[in-house]
Amino acid sequence: MSTGAAASGSHWRLQQTQNLADETVDIMRVDTRCWKEKKLSEWGIWWLIDKKVSGKNSKMWAIGIVIVAIIIILCGMFP
């Protein structure tokens, strides 16, 4: 094998290795993007659930405060 043929074979292997590395990086980028989208979706769902629960908690607090205020007023009216 001459030096030119050896260099050509070496260049070919290097190119094949670079192609495999590029393909692997592309796969990792797609995997990372899918993971991020999944997490954002999950966080979005949890945000909606938290917002809904928070609204219910606010209503319960408001009802509780009104009931306590009525009890205080009634206790003041009938000593």
N, C-alpha and C. Protein backbone atom coordinates (compact mmCIF):
# COMPACT_ATOMS: atom_id res chain seq x y z
N MET A 1 0.86 -1.17 0.00
CA MET A 1 0.00 0.00 0.00
C MET A 1 0.90 1.23 0.00
N SER A 2 0.62 2.13 -0.88
CA SER A 2 1.45 3.34 -0.96
C SER A 2 0.98 4.36 0.05
N THR A 3 1.76 5.39 0.19
CA THR A 3 1.43 6.42 1.18
C THR A 3 0.13 7.13 0.81
N GLY A 4 -0.12 7.34 -0.46
CA GLY A 4 -1.36 8.00 -0.89
C GLY A 4 -2.58 7.15 -0.58
N ALA A 5 -2.45 5.83 -0.79
CA ALA A 5 -3.57 4.93 -0.51
C ALA A 5 -3.83 4.87 0.99
N ALA A 6 -2.77 4.85 1.77
CA ALA A 6 -2.92 4.82 3.23
C ALA A 6 -3.59 6.10 3.73
N ALA A 7 -3.19 7.21 3.16
CA ALA A 7 -3.77 8.50 3.56
C ALA A 7 -5.24 8.56 3.16
N SER A 8 -5.53 8.00 1.98
CA SER A 8 -6.92 7.99 1.52
C SER A 8 -7.78 7.12 2.42
N GLY A 9 -7.27 5.94 2.80
CA GLY A 9 -8.00 5.04 3.71
C GLY A 9 -8.19 5.67 5.08
N SER A 10 -7.16 6.35 5.54
CA SER A 10 -7.24 7.02 6.84
C SER A 10 -8.28 8.15 6.79
N HIS A 11 -8.26 8.89 5.69
CA HIS A 11 -9.23 9.98 5.51
C HIS A 11 -10.66 9.41 5.48
N TRP A 12 -10.84 8.28 4.81
CA TRP A 12 -12.16 7.66 4.71
C TRP A 12 -12.65 7.24 6.09
N ARG A 13 -11.77 6.63 6.90
CA ARG A 13 -12.16 6.21 8.26
C ARG A 13 -12.50 7.42 9.12
N LEU A 14 -11.69 8.46 8.97
CA LEU A 14 -11.95 9.68 9.74
C LEU A 14 -13.31 10.26 9.36
N GLN A 15 -13.61 10.26 8.07
CA GLN A 15 -14.89 10.78 7.60
C GLN A 15 -16.05 9.93 8.12
N GLN A 16 -15.90 8.61 8.12
CA GLN A 16 -16.94 7.70 8.64
C GLN A 16 -17.16 7.96 10.13
N THR A 17 -16.08 8.12 10.87
CA THR A 17 -16.18 8.38 12.31
C THR A 17 -16.89 9.72 12.55
N GLN A 18 -16.53 10.73 11.74
CA GLN A 18 -17.17 12.04 11.89
C GLN A 18 -18.65 11.95 11.58
N ASN A 19 -19.02 11.18 10.56
CA ASN A 19 -20.44 11.01 10.22
C ASN A 19 -21.21 10.34 11.35
N LEU A 20 -20.60 9.31 11.95
CA LEU A 20 -21.26 8.64 13.09
C LEU A 20 -21.42 9.58 14.27
N ALA A 21 -20.39 10.39 14.53
CA ALA A 21 -20.46 11.34 15.64
C ALA A 21 -21.56 12.37 15.38
N ASP A 22 -21.65 12.87 14.15
CA ASP A 22 -22.69 13.84 13.80
C ASP A 22 -24.09 13.24 13.97
N GLU A 23 -24.25 12.00 13.55
CA GLU A 23 -25.54 11.33 13.68
C GLU A 23 -25.92 11.16 15.15
N THR A 24 -24.94 10.80 15.96
CA THR A 24 -25.18 10.63 17.39
C THR A 24 -25.59 11.95 18.04
N VAL A 25 -24.91 13.02 17.67
CA VAL A 25 -25.24 14.34 18.23
C VAL A 25 -26.66 14.75 17.81
N ASP A 26 -27.02 14.48 16.56
CA ASP A 26 -28.38 14.80 16.10
C ASP A 26 -29.42 14.04 16.90
N ILE A 27 -29.17 12.76 17.14
CA ILE A 27 -30.10 11.94 17.93
C ILE A 27 -30.22 12.50 19.35
N MET A 28 -29.10 12.90 19.93
CA MET A 28 -29.12 13.45 21.29
C MET A 28 -29.90 14.76 21.33
N ARG A 29 -29.76 15.58 20.29
CA ARG A 29 -30.51 16.85 20.25
C ARG A 29 -32.00 16.59 20.17
N VAL A 30 -32.40 15.64 19.33
CA VAL A 30 -33.82 15.31 19.21
C VAL A 30 -34.35 14.77 20.53
N ASP A 31 -33.56 13.90 21.18
CA ASP A 31 -33.96 13.32 22.46
C ASP A 31 -34.11 14.42 23.51
N THR A 32 -33.17 15.35 23.55
CA THR A 32 -33.24 16.45 24.51
C THR A 32 -34.45 17.33 24.24
N ARG A 33 -34.73 17.62 22.96
CA ARG A 33 -35.88 18.44 22.61
C ARG A 33 -37.18 17.76 23.04
N CYS A 34 -37.27 16.44 22.79
CA CYS A 34 -38.47 15.70 23.19
C CYS A 34 -38.64 15.72 24.71
N TRP A 35 -37.53 15.55 25.44
CA TRP A 35 -37.57 15.56 26.90
C TRP A 35 -38.05 16.93 27.40
N LYS A 36 -37.52 18.01 26.81
CA LYS A 36 -37.92 19.35 27.23
C LYS A 36 -39.40 19.59 26.96
N GLU A 37 -39.87 19.17 25.78
CA GLU A 37 -41.28 19.35 25.45
C GLU A 37 -42.17 18.56 26.41
N LYS A 38 -41.74 17.36 26.77
CA LYS A 38 -42.51 16.54 27.71
C LYS A 38 -42.58 17.23 29.07
N LYS A 39 -41.45 17.73 29.54
CA LYS A 39 -41.42 18.39 30.85
C LYS A 39 -42.27 19.66 30.84
N LEU A 40 -42.17 20.45 29.77
CA LEU A 40 -42.99 21.65 29.69
C LEU A 40 -44.47 21.31 29.69
N SER A 41 -44.81 20.23 29.01
CA SER A 41 -46.21 19.79 28.98
C SER A 41 -46.66 19.39 30.38
N GLU A 42 -45.82 18.63 31.08
CA GLU A 42 -46.17 18.21 32.44
C GLU A 42 -46.31 19.43 33.36
N TRP A 43 -45.38 20.38 33.24
CA TRP A 43 -45.44 21.57 34.09
C TRP A 43 -46.69 22.38 33.77
N GLY A 44 -47.06 22.42 32.50
CA GLY A 44 -48.27 23.14 32.11
C GLY A 44 -49.50 22.52 32.74
N ILE A 45 -49.56 21.21 32.75
CA ILE A 45 -50.69 20.51 33.36
C ILE A 45 -50.71 20.76 34.86
N TRP A 46 -49.55 20.68 35.50
CA TRP A 46 -49.50 20.93 36.95
C TRP A 46 -49.87 22.36 37.28
N TRP A 47 -49.49 23.31 36.39
CA TRP A 47 -49.84 24.69 36.63
C TRP A 47 -51.36 24.86 36.60
N LEU A 48 -52.00 24.21 35.62
CA LEU A 48 -53.47 24.30 35.54
C LEU A 48 -54.13 23.68 36.76
N ILE A 49 -53.63 22.53 37.20
CA ILE A 49 -54.19 21.86 38.37
C ILE A 49 -54.00 22.75 39.60
N ASP A 50 -52.79 23.30 39.75
CA ASP A 50 -52.50 24.15 40.90
C ASP A 50 -53.38 25.39 40.88
N LYS A 51 -53.59 25.96 39.69
CA LYS A 51 -54.44 27.14 39.58
C LYS A 51 -55.88 26.81 39.97
N LYS A 52 -56.35 25.65 39.54
CA LYS A 52 -57.71 25.23 39.85
C LYS A 52 -57.87 25.00 41.36
N VAL A 53 -56.90 24.30 41.97
CA VAL A 53 -56.94 24.03 43.42
C VAL A 53 -56.82 25.33 44.20
N SER A 54 -55.96 26.22 43.72
CA SER A 54 -55.78 27.50 44.40
C SER A 54 -57.07 28.31 44.38
N GLY A 55 -57.78 28.26 43.27
CA GLY A 55 -59.07 28.95 43.18
C GLY A 55 -60.07 28.38 44.16
N LYS A 56 -60.10 27.05 44.29
CA LYS A 56 -61.01 26.42 45.25
C LYS A 56 -60.62 26.79 46.67
N ASN A 57 -59.31 26.83 46.96
CA ASN A 57 -58.85 27.21 48.30
C ASN A 57 -59.25 28.64 48.62
N SER A 58 -59.15 29.52 47.64
CA SER A 58 -59.53 30.92 47.86
C SER A 58 -61.02 31.03 48.18
N LYS A 59 -61.83 30.28 47.46
CA LYS A 59 -63.27 30.29 47.71
C LYS A 59 -63.58 29.77 49.11
N MET A 60 -62.88 28.71 49.51
CA MET A 60 -63.11 28.15 50.85
C MET A 60 -62.72 29.15 51.93
N TRP A 61 -61.62 29.87 51.73
CA TRP A 61 -61.21 30.88 52.69
C TRP A 61 -62.26 31.99 52.77
N ALA A 62 -62.75 32.42 51.63
CA ALA A 62 -63.75 33.50 51.60
C ALA A 62 -65.02 33.05 52.34
N ILE A 63 -65.48 31.85 52.08
CA ILE A 63 -66.67 31.31 52.75
C ILE A 63 -66.42 31.22 54.25
N GLY A 64 -65.25 30.74 54.64
CA GLY A 64 -64.92 30.62 56.06
C GLY A 64 -64.90 31.98 56.76
N ILE A 65 -64.34 32.97 56.11
CA ILE A 65 -64.28 34.31 56.70
C ILE A 65 -65.70 34.89 56.86
N VAL A 66 -66.54 34.68 55.86
CA VAL A 66 -67.92 35.17 55.93
C VAL A 66 -68.65 34.49 57.08
N ILE A 67 -68.50 33.19 57.23
CA ILE A 67 -69.17 32.45 58.31
C ILE A 67 -68.70 32.94 59.67
N VAL A 68 -67.39 33.13 59.82
CA VAL A 68 -66.85 33.62 61.09
C VAL A 68 -67.38 35.02 61.37
N ALA A 69 -67.44 35.87 60.35
CA ALA A 69 -67.95 37.23 60.55
C ALA A 69 -69.42 37.19 60.98
N ILE A 70 -70.22 36.32 60.37
CA ILE A 70 -71.63 36.19 60.76
C ILE A 70 -71.76 35.73 62.20
N ILE A 71 -70.94 34.77 62.59
CA ILE A 71 -70.97 34.27 63.97
C ILE A 71 -70.60 35.38 64.95
N ILE A 72 -69.59 36.17 64.62
CA ILE A 72 -69.17 37.27 65.50
C ILE A 72 -70.29 38.31 65.61
N ILE A 73 -70.92 38.61 64.48
CA ILE A 73 -72.02 39.59 64.50
C ILE A 73 -73.19 39.05 65.34
N LEU A 74 -73.54 37.79 65.15
CA LEU A 74 -74.65 37.20 65.92
C LEU A 74 -74.33 37.15 67.41
N CYS A 75 -73.10 36.85 67.76
CA CYS A 75 -72.71 36.83 69.18
C CYS A 75 -72.78 38.24 69.78
N GLY A 76 -72.49 39.24 68.97
CA GLY A 76 -72.56 40.63 69.45
C GLY A 76 -73.99 41.11 69.61
N MET A 77 -74.89 40.59 68.82
CA MET A 77 -76.29 41.01 68.87
C MET A 77 -77.01 40.39 70.07
N PHE A 78 -76.64 39.20 70.45
CA PHE A 78 -77.31 38.51 71.56
C PHE A 78 -76.29 38.22 72.68
N PRO A 79 -76.11 39.21 73.54
CA PRO A 79 -75.11 39.02 74.63
C PRO A 79 -75.55 38.09 75.72
